[in-house]
Structure formats: C-alpha cells, structure tokens
C-alpha cells in the first residue's frame, strides 16, 4: 500500500515533510513542478509501517491511500488516552 497527497485538501504546511525528514525516511518531498507541492515518493514510503505524516498533518484527509482512494485521517487525541 502507498499514500499520495490530495492537493485540494493539503495546506502545504510541510509538517509531513518535516517529520518524514526527522525520522530519516525521506519519502515526503517538495516537487519543483508543479508549484513546489508536497509529494510522496512511493518507493521510499514505508506505510503502513510508518504513519508519522498522518499524525502530524493538520489538514484532515489530505493524505490518501493510492489503491483505495480512502482519506487517511488520524484518530482524535482522546483515542490515545487510557
């Protein structure tokens, strides 16, 4: 499975880019064409092993599974509390 960016929902805040770089996965990058948009390198992305981009993305539904077209939305914060 792999992910892609829904540019209609993405705010281009680059939080996914930052966290992906911090984790040294480097799958999220800024494409020079068109318009310096965020993209995901399908060969470098380790999803579903890593979901850091989903956790840091403030624009719900802007990261989508390529195969299913499903919007990937992280669980609400209260889901993490025990």
Protein backbone atom coordinates (compact mmCIF):
# COMPACT_ATOMS: atom_id res chain seq x y z
CA UNK A 1 0.00 0.00 0.00
CA UNK A 2 1.11 3.54 -0.58
CA UNK A 3 -0.02 7.10 0.02
CA UNK A 4 -0.47 10.24 -2.04
CA UNK A 5 -1.31 13.87 -1.25
CA UNK A 6 -4.77 15.25 -2.05
CA UNK A 7 -3.77 18.73 -3.16
CA UNK A 8 -7.31 20.05 -2.87
CA UNK A 9 -7.17 19.48 0.90
CA UNK A 10 -3.45 19.92 1.58
CA UNK A 11 -2.47 23.30 3.02
CA UNK A 12 1.21 22.82 2.06
CA UNK A 13 2.24 23.47 5.69
CA UNK A 14 5.03 20.88 5.22
CA UNK A 15 4.60 19.23 8.61
CA UNK A 16 4.59 15.83 6.88
CA UNK A 17 7.82 16.77 5.11
CA UNK A 18 9.47 17.82 8.37
CA UNK A 19 8.54 14.70 10.34
CA UNK A 20 9.49 12.39 7.48
CA UNK A 21 12.94 14.03 7.33
CA UNK A 22 13.32 13.87 11.12
CA UNK A 23 12.65 10.12 11.04
CA UNK A 24 15.17 9.77 8.18
CA UNK A 25 12.61 8.14 5.89
CA UNK A 26 12.72 10.97 3.34
CA UNK A 27 9.63 9.82 1.43
CA UNK A 28 7.89 13.20 1.52
CA UNK A 29 9.48 15.81 -0.73
CA UNK A 30 8.78 19.16 -2.33
CA UNK A 31 8.32 18.70 -6.08
CA UNK A 32 9.70 21.56 -8.13
CA UNK A 33 6.91 21.15 -10.68
CA UNK A 34 4.10 21.96 -10.38
CA UNK A 35 4.20 24.83 -7.93
CA UNK A 36 6.53 23.35 -5.28
CA UNK A 37 3.86 20.98 -3.98
CA UNK A 38 4.34 18.26 -1.39
CA UNK A 39 4.54 14.76 -2.90
CA UNK A 40 5.24 11.27 -1.54
CA UNK A 41 7.93 9.02 -3.05
CA UNK A 42 6.12 5.68 -3.33
CA UNK A 43 9.41 3.75 -3.32
CA UNK A 44 10.67 5.38 -0.12
CA UNK A 45 7.39 5.48 1.83
CA UNK A 46 7.13 2.71 4.45
CA UNK A 47 3.35 2.98 5.01
CA UNK A 48 1.64 1.16 6.73
CA UNK A 49 4.76 0.61 8.84
CA UNK A 50 5.05 4.34 9.45
CA UNK A 51 2.13 6.76 9.80
CA UNK A 52 4.01 9.81 11.09
CA UNK A 53 2.85 12.03 8.23
CA UNK A 54 -0.76 11.24 9.15
CA UNK A 55 -0.17 12.06 12.80
CA UNK A 56 1.40 15.45 12.08
CA UNK A 57 -0.88 16.56 9.25
CA UNK A 58 -3.31 19.29 10.40
CA UNK A 59 -5.43 19.05 7.21
CA UNK A 60 -7.67 16.04 7.80
CA UNK A 61 -8.00 13.80 4.77
CA UNK A 62 -5.21 15.34 2.73
CA UNK A 63 -3.23 12.09 2.68
CA UNK A 64 -4.93 9.34 0.68
CA UNK A 65 -4.29 5.63 0.06
CA UNK A 66 -3.38 5.21 -3.61
CA UNK A 67 -5.06 1.81 -4.08
CA UNK A 68 -8.36 2.53 -2.34
CA UNK A 69 -8.67 6.32 -2.59
CA UNK A 70 -9.52 6.33 1.13
CA UNK A 71 -8.71 9.51 3.02
CA UNK A 72 -6.36 8.75 5.85
CA UNK A 73 -7.36 10.63 8.98
CA UNK A 74 -5.52 10.06 12.26
CA UNK A 75 -7.58 9.16 15.32
CA UNK A 76 -8.65 12.01 17.61
CA UNK A 77 -6.33 12.80 20.56
CA UNK A 78 -8.72 11.24 23.08
CA UNK A 79 -8.22 7.87 21.37
CA UNK A 80 -4.64 7.84 22.66
CA UNK A 81 -5.58 8.43 26.29
CA UNK A 82 -6.03 5.43 28.55
